[in-house]
Amino acid sequence: MDVSQVALFLFSTLVFPGFLFIFILSLFTQYLVRKISARYQKRMGPSYIGPYGVLQPFMDFWKLLRVKEVVRSRYSMQRVAELTLLIGIACITGAIVLLPIGVLNIRGPLDYLVFFYMASVMPILMIVLASLSMPGPYTSLGVSRLLSILTISEPVYFTGLFIPCFLATYRDPLVLSVSMTSHRVMDLWLNPVAALILLLSLIALVISLQSKAMYPPFNIPEAEQEIIAGFETEFSGPLLALASLLHDMDLTVSILTVVYIVLGGPAPFQHLTLGGILMVILKYLVLVLVVATIKNIFGRYRLEQALMQLLKYGGIPVLISVILSLAWIYL
């Protein structure tokens, strides 16, 4: 590997589409969700820091990181919590290079499995470990509720993304390649049967995104009236800043993943063209609007209600799409 390749790799990992890009986009996504929510609730939302309040999420993050102190209990393990949250952020940063966003795009057979592990499994695992490193009665209850939701939402999210990856690449040497899927998935939308399969997967993915983000109606782990702040109860200061950033990065990369794997990214335009960039932005903003809208028009479910709704509107559509996919390929 020569110097130019090393420089390109470092730039892609640290700047674009790596940490700096995801950091800025995550804070901007948080701003959009807060601003849209404010409009639904007839409030101003973020308005004071930066043009139209766009820098408010950054100032909130900076205040927690540099001004607020960590409140410790007798059994707190602050360093362990910090390390696990940083590992989660690093995994998301590493996973983003598997999406065909920047100039450097790493691809290979079965890279979807690597991507899902780094972008979805590891962040959730690190959040759980960080929460358990700052023990408390509300923390334990919040973690148990979070894991209950994830037992359904994560398989739905995995399968919803797996289906377009499989349909687009099962005849290719680069089977289950994220990059190859994003380049070919729009061809599937032109086939009526495949389009129905992808539509069902998209519906299931939107529901799983809502639960992964812990937004209403699936914000049971953060039910303030019942268990304070769920698994984040013992987080404060820099720990709360890192946990919030990891949450926002997880949501941002999850939406980007749906944009590229299910909606074709820049399609029908070419990669890294002006039209392609605008198309990615449009698809991303539409998904953010959908997530924020669901967040504001539904109340919180009880745990058993949430699990049932996840099965009904997430599990059943993705199961039907799996059956249709197998029938379409092998019959």
Protein backbone atom coordinates (compact mmCIF):
# COMPACT_ATOMS: atom_id res chain seq x y z
CA MET A 1 0.00 0.00 0.00
CA ASP A 2 1.59 3.29 -1.11
CA VAL A 3 1.41 6.68 0.59
CA SER A 4 -1.53 7.91 -1.51
CA GLN A 5 -3.60 4.86 -0.60
CA VAL A 6 -2.82 5.30 3.08
CA ALA A 7 -3.74 8.98 2.88
CA LEU A 8 -7.02 8.13 1.10
CA PHE A 9 -7.85 5.52 3.73
CA LEU A 10 -7.14 7.94 6.60
CA PHE A 11 -9.16 10.70 4.92
CA SER A 12 -12.09 8.33 4.31
CA THR A 13 -12.01 7.06 7.88
CA LEU A 14 -11.48 10.33 9.72
CA VAL A 15 -13.07 12.96 7.45
CA PHE A 16 -15.39 11.82 4.65
CA PRO A 17 -17.38 9.64 4.86
CA GLY A 18 -15.79 8.85 8.23
CA PHE A 19 -16.02 10.30 11.68
CA LEU A 20 -16.20 14.03 10.94
CA PHE A 21 -18.91 13.64 8.30
CA ILE A 22 -21.01 11.28 10.44
CA PHE A 23 -20.51 13.49 13.50
CA ILE A 24 -21.83 16.57 11.67
CA LEU A 25 -24.64 14.69 9.94
CA SER A 26 -25.72 13.07 13.23
CA LEU A 27 -25.99 16.42 14.99
CA PHE A 28 -27.82 17.89 11.99
CA THR A 29 -30.22 14.92 12.00
CA GLN A 30 -30.88 15.52 15.70
CA TYR A 31 -31.57 19.17 14.85
CA LEU A 32 -34.03 18.18 12.10
CA VAL A 33 -35.90 15.75 14.35
CA ARG A 34 -36.13 18.37 17.12
CA LYS A 35 -37.20 21.10 14.71
CA ILE A 36 -39.85 18.93 13.02
CA SER A 37 -41.11 17.78 16.42
CA ALA A 38 -41.37 21.41 17.53
CA ARG A 39 -43.45 22.28 14.50
CA TYR A 40 -45.84 19.40 15.20
CA GLN A 41 -46.15 20.59 18.81
CA LYS A 42 -46.44 24.29 17.88
CA ARG A 43 -43.11 25.19 19.48
CA MET A 44 -40.04 27.00 18.16
CA GLY A 45 -37.54 24.21 18.76
CA PRO A 46 -33.80 25.00 18.52
CA SER A 47 -33.66 28.69 17.55
CA TYR A 48 -30.83 30.59 19.23
CA ILE A 49 -27.40 29.05 18.50
CA GLY A 50 -26.41 29.45 14.86
CA PRO A 51 -28.66 30.24 11.88
CA TYR A 52 -32.18 29.01 12.74
CA GLY A 53 -30.69 27.21 15.77
CA VAL A 54 -28.77 24.69 13.66
CA LEU A 55 -25.76 24.71 16.04
CA GLN A 56 -27.82 23.99 19.15
CA PRO A 57 -27.13 20.20 19.12
CA PHE A 58 -23.38 20.90 18.90
CA MET A 59 -23.54 23.33 21.84
CA ASP A 60 -25.54 20.80 23.87
CA PHE A 61 -22.91 18.16 23.11
CA TRP A 62 -20.04 20.53 23.95
CA LYS A 63 -21.64 21.63 27.22
CA LEU A 64 -22.09 18.05 28.37
CA LEU A 65 -18.59 17.11 27.26
CA ARG A 66 -16.64 20.04 28.72
CA VAL A 67 -18.80 21.79 31.33
CA LYS A 68 -20.97 19.23 33.10
CA GLU A 69 -19.47 16.74 35.55
CA VAL A 70 -20.05 13.00 35.79
CA VAL A 71 -22.14 12.03 38.81
CA ARG A 72 -20.70 8.81 40.24
CA SER A 73 -22.21 6.27 42.58
CA ARG A 74 -20.30 3.82 44.74
CA TYR A 75 -20.22 1.08 42.12
CA SER A 76 -19.77 3.22 39.01
CA MET A 77 -17.08 2.27 36.50
CA GLN A 78 -16.77 5.50 34.54
CA ARG A 79 -13.70 4.52 32.50
CA VAL A 80 -15.32 1.27 31.36
CA ALA A 81 -18.45 3.17 30.30
CA GLU A 82 -16.38 5.73 28.39
CA LEU A 83 -14.35 3.02 26.66
CA THR A 84 -17.38 1.03 25.57
CA LEU A 85 -19.14 4.12 24.18
CA LEU A 86 -16.01 5.11 22.25
CA ILE A 87 -15.76 1.58 20.85
CA GLY A 88 -19.36 1.86 19.64
CA ILE A 89 -18.60 5.18 17.94
CA ALA A 90 -15.45 3.69 16.36
CA CYS A 91 -17.40 0.70 15.01
CA ILE A 92 -19.97 2.94 13.31
CA THR A 93 -17.14 5.04 11.85
CA GLY A 94 -15.45 1.93 10.49
CA ALA A 95 -18.67 0.55 9.04
CA ILE A 96 -19.46 3.66 7.01
CA VAL A 97 -16.64 3.00 4.51
CA LEU A 98 -18.57 -0.07 3.35
CA LEU A 99 -21.32 2.21 2.04
CA PRO A 100 -20.59 3.65 -1.44
CA ILE A 101 -20.60 7.26 -0.26
CA GLY A 102 -17.05 8.50 -0.75
CA VAL A 103 -14.23 7.88 -3.20
CA LEU A 104 -12.92 4.91 -1.20
CA ASN A 105 -15.40 2.08 -1.06
CA ILE A 106 -14.38 -1.24 0.45
CA ARG A 107 -16.35 -4.17 -0.95
CA GLY A 108 -16.19 -7.94 -0.87
CA PRO A 109 -18.30 -11.10 -0.63
CA LEU A 110 -20.56 -11.13 2.45
CA ASP A 111 -19.49 -7.64 3.48
CA TYR A 112 -23.12 -6.97 4.47
CA LEU A 113 -22.60 -9.27 7.47
CA VAL A 114 -19.51 -7.30 8.51
CA PHE A 115 -21.35 -4.03 7.99
CA PHE A 116 -24.36 -5.09 10.05
CA TYR A 117 -22.16 -6.35 12.88
CA MET A 118 -20.17 -3.12 13.07
CA ALA A 119 -22.99 -0.66 12.40
CA SER A 120 -25.82 -2.26 14.35
CA VAL A 121 -24.78 -5.05 16.72
CA MET A 122 -21.69 -3.46 18.26
CA PRO A 123 -23.23 -0.01 19.03
CA ILE A 124 -26.16 -1.61 20.84
CA LEU A 125 -23.89 -3.99 22.74
CA MET A 126 -21.64 -1.10 23.77
CA ILE A 127 -24.62 0.97 24.97
CA VAL A 128 -25.78 -1.95 27.12
CA LEU A 129 -22.30 -2.49 28.57
CA ALA A 130 -21.89 1.23 29.26
CA SER A 131 -25.24 1.31 31.06
CA LEU A 132 -24.36 -1.71 33.19
CA SER A 133 -21.04 -0.04 34.05
CA MET A 134 -23.03 2.71 35.80
CA PRO A 135 -25.39 0.47 37.80
CA GLY A 136 -28.65 1.49 39.35
CA PRO A 137 -32.19 0.12 39.74
CA TYR A 138 -33.59 2.26 36.93
CA THR A 139 -30.63 1.42 34.69
CA SER A 140 -31.20 -2.32 35.03
CA LEU A 141 -34.90 -1.97 34.27
CA GLY A 142 -34.18 0.27 31.30
CA VAL A 143 -31.64 -2.19 29.89
CA SER A 144 -34.05 -5.10 30.27
CA ARG A 145 -36.74 -3.20 28.40
CA LEU A 146 -34.27 -2.18 25.71
CA LEU A 147 -33.19 -5.80 25.18
CA SER A 148 -36.82 -6.91 25.03
CA ILE A 149 -37.48 -4.50 22.18
CA LEU A 150 -34.24 -5.39 20.38
CA THR A 151 -35.07 -9.10 20.31
CA ILE A 152 -37.63 -8.25 17.63
CA SER A 153 -36.45 -4.99 16.07
CA GLU A 154 -32.90 -6.16 15.29
CA PRO A 155 -33.92 -9.36 13.44
CA VAL A 156 -36.49 -7.30 11.50
CA TYR A 157 -33.85 -4.70 10.63
CA PHE A 158 -31.33 -7.38 9.64
CA THR A 159 -33.79 -9.28 7.44
CA GLY A 160 -35.23 -6.14 5.90
CA LEU A 161 -31.75 -5.19 4.65
CA PHE A 162 -30.72 -8.77 3.87
CA ILE A 163 -33.54 -9.28 1.35
CA PRO A 164 -32.51 -6.57 -1.17
CA CYS A 165 -28.85 -7.56 -0.71
CA PHE A 166 -29.68 -11.16 -1.53
CA LEU A 167 -31.98 -10.41 -4.45
CA ALA A 168 -29.49 -8.01 -6.04
CA THR A 169 -26.35 -10.13 -5.67
CA TYR A 170 -27.23 -13.83 -5.32
CA ARG A 171 -25.91 -14.52 -8.85
CA ASP A 172 -22.80 -12.39 -8.41
CA PRO A 173 -19.37 -13.39 -6.99
CA LEU A 174 -19.73 -10.43 -4.60
CA VAL A 175 -22.80 -11.96 -2.98
CA LEU A 176 -24.34 -9.91 -0.15
CA SER A 177 -22.20 -6.90 -1.02
CA VAL A 178 -23.56 -3.58 0.24
CA SER A 179 -21.95 -1.62 -2.58
CA MET A 180 -23.17 -3.94 -5.34
CA THR A 181 -26.68 -3.90 -3.89
CA SER A 182 -26.86 -0.11 -3.92
CA HIS A 183 -25.90 -0.09 -7.61
CA ARG A 184 -28.46 -2.74 -8.62
CA VAL A 185 -31.44 -2.37 -6.31
CA MET A 186 -33.21 0.19 -8.52
CA ASP A 187 -33.45 -2.47 -11.24
CA LEU A 188 -35.44 -4.56 -8.76
CA TRP A 189 -37.92 -1.73 -8.25
CA LEU A 190 -38.78 -1.96 -11.96
CA ASN A 191 -40.02 -5.54 -11.52
CA PRO A 192 -43.55 -5.68 -10.04
CA VAL A 193 -42.89 -8.74 -7.83
CA ALA A 194 -39.53 -7.46 -6.62
CA ALA A 195 -41.01 -4.01 -6.03
CA LEU A 196 -43.66 -5.53 -3.75
CA ILE A 197 -40.95 -7.40 -1.85
CA LEU A 198 -38.89 -4.25 -1.43
CA LEU A 199 -41.93 -2.24 -0.35
CA LEU A 200 -42.71 -4.73 2.40
CA SER A 201 -39.07 -4.66 3.48
CA LEU A 202 -39.13 -0.85 3.52
CA ILE A 203 -42.22 -0.80 5.75
CA ALA A 204 -40.59 -3.23 8.16
CA LEU A 205 -37.39 -1.17 8.16
CA VAL A 206 -39.21 2.06 8.99
CA ILE A 207 -40.81 0.36 12.00
CA SER A 208 -37.49 -1.11 13.11
CA LEU A 209 -35.79 2.30 12.69
CA GLN A 210 -38.37 3.79 15.03
CA SER A 211 -37.66 1.17 17.67
CA LYS A 212 -33.87 1.28 17.18
CA ALA A 213 -33.98 5.04 17.75
CA MET A 214 -36.21 4.49 20.81
CA TYR A 215 -38.62 7.11 19.52
CA PRO A 216 -42.36 7.01 20.29
CA PRO A 217 -44.23 4.76 20.22
CA PHE A 218 -41.26 2.53 21.11
CA ASN A 219 -39.56 4.76 23.69
CA ILE A 220 -40.32 2.33 26.50
CA PRO A 221 -36.69 2.13 27.78
CA GLU A 222 -36.82 5.91 28.29
CA ALA A 223 -40.28 6.16 29.85
CA GLU A 224 -39.59 9.17 32.07
CA GLN A 225 -42.83 8.93 34.02
CA GLU A 226 -42.08 5.34 34.95
CA ILE A 227 -38.33 4.78 35.20
CA ILE A 228 -36.75 8.25 34.95
CA ALA A 229 -34.51 7.97 31.86
CA GLY A 230 -34.15 4.23 31.37
CA PHE A 231 -30.71 2.89 30.66
CA GLU A 232 -29.33 6.47 30.54
CA THR A 233 -30.44 7.27 34.11
CA GLU A 234 -26.90 7.18 35.54
CA PHE A 235 -25.30 8.98 32.59
CA SER A 236 -24.24 12.59 33.04
CA GLY A 237 -21.63 15.00 31.73
CA PRO A 238 -19.24 13.49 29.16
CA LEU A 239 -20.86 10.06 29.46
CA LEU A 240 -24.24 11.46 28.49
CA ALA A 241 -22.62 13.37 25.62
CA LEU A 242 -21.00 10.20 24.24
CA ALA A 243 -24.17 8.15 24.71
CA SER A 244 -26.27 10.76 22.91
CA LEU A 245 -23.72 10.97 20.10
CA LEU A 246 -23.66 7.19 19.73
CA HIS A 247 -27.46 7.14 19.60
CA ASP A 248 -27.55 9.87 16.94
CA MET A 249 -24.80 8.21 14.88
CA ASP A 250 -26.62 4.88 15.06
CA LEU A 251 -29.83 6.46 13.77
CA THR A 252 -27.99 8.41 11.06
CA VAL A 253 -26.10 5.42 9.69
CA SER A 254 -29.25 3.27 9.89
CA ILE A 255 -31.16 5.76 7.74
CA LEU A 256 -28.24 6.06 5.32
CA THR A 257 -28.15 2.28 5.06
CA VAL A 258 -31.82 2.14 4.08
CA VAL A 259 -31.23 4.94 1.55
CA TYR A 260 -28.45 3.01 -0.17
CA ILE A 261 -29.48 -0.64 0.19
CA VAL A 262 -33.24 -0.33 -0.34
CA LEU A 263 -33.68 2.99 -2.18
CA GLY A 264 -30.58 2.81 -4.38
CA GLY A 265 -28.70 5.81 -2.98
CA PRO A 266 -28.06 8.26 -5.86
CA ALA A 267 -30.11 6.28 -8.39
CA PRO A 268 -31.30 7.04 -11.01
CA PHE A 269 -28.22 9.31 -11.18
CA GLN A 270 -24.59 8.22 -11.10
CA HIS A 271 -22.48 8.00 -7.98
CA LEU A 272 -20.75 11.25 -6.89
CA THR A 273 -22.57 13.41 -9.44
CA LEU A 274 -24.54 16.53 -8.53
CA GLY A 275 -27.83 14.81 -9.32
CA GLY A 276 -26.79 11.75 -7.33
CA ILE A 277 -25.82 13.83 -4.29
CA LEU A 278 -29.11 15.72 -4.39
CA MET A 279 -31.04 12.47 -4.72
CA VAL A 280 -29.30 10.96 -1.67
CA ILE A 281 -30.07 14.12 0.33
CA LEU A 282 -33.72 14.03 -0.77
CA LYS A 283 -34.19 10.37 0.16
CA TYR A 284 -32.43 10.90 3.49
CA LEU A 285 -34.60 13.92 4.37
CA VAL A 286 -37.78 12.05 3.45
CA LEU A 287 -36.88 9.17 5.79
CA VAL A 288 -36.00 11.62 8.58
CA LEU A 289 -39.37 13.31 8.07
CA VAL A 290 -41.16 9.95 8.26
CA VAL A 291 -39.34 8.98 11.47
CA ALA A 292 -40.02 12.37 13.07
CA THR A 293 -43.67 12.26 12.00
CA ILE A 294 -44.26 8.84 13.55
CA LYS A 295 -42.48 10.10 16.66
CA ASN A 296 -44.99 12.89 17.07
CA ILE A 297 -48.31 11.32 16.09
CA PHE A 298 -48.13 8.23 18.32
CA GLY A 299 -48.16 7.90 22.07
CA ARG A 300 -45.95 5.49 23.97
CA TYR A 301 -46.89 1.82 23.95
CA ARG A 302 -46.67 -0.44 26.93
CA LEU A 303 -43.98 -3.08 26.59
CA GLU A 304 -46.33 -5.90 25.54
CA GLN A 305 -48.10 -3.55 23.11
CA ALA A 306 -44.79 -2.51 21.56
CA LEU A 307 -43.67 -6.10 21.06
CA MET A 308 -47.00 -6.99 19.47
CA GLN A 309 -46.90 -3.98 17.12
CA LEU A 310 -43.30 -4.78 16.14
CA LEU A 311 -44.38 -8.30 15.24
CA LYS A 312 -47.47 -7.10 13.39
CA TYR A 313 -46.00 -4.23 11.36
CA GLY A 314 -42.36 -5.30 11.28
CA GLY A 315 -42.17 -9.06 11.59
CA ILE A 316 -45.12 -10.01 9.38
CA PRO A 317 -44.17 -7.77 6.39
CA VAL A 318 -40.57 -8.96 6.48
CA LEU A 319 -41.70 -12.60 6.76
CA ILE A 320 -43.98 -12.18 3.75
CA SER A 321 -41.13 -10.56 1.81
CA VAL A 322 -38.87 -13.51 2.64
CA ILE A 323 -41.48 -15.99 1.37
CA LEU A 324 -42.05 -13.98 -1.80
CA SER A 325 -38.31 -13.68 -2.38
CA LEU A 326 -37.80 -17.44 -2.15
CA ALA A 327 -40.79 -18.10 -4.41
CA TRP A 328 -39.63 -15.52 -6.96
CA ILE A 329 -36.11 -16.98 -7.15
CA TYR A 330 -36.74 -20.70 -6.99
CA LEU A 331 -40.16 -21.13 -8.63
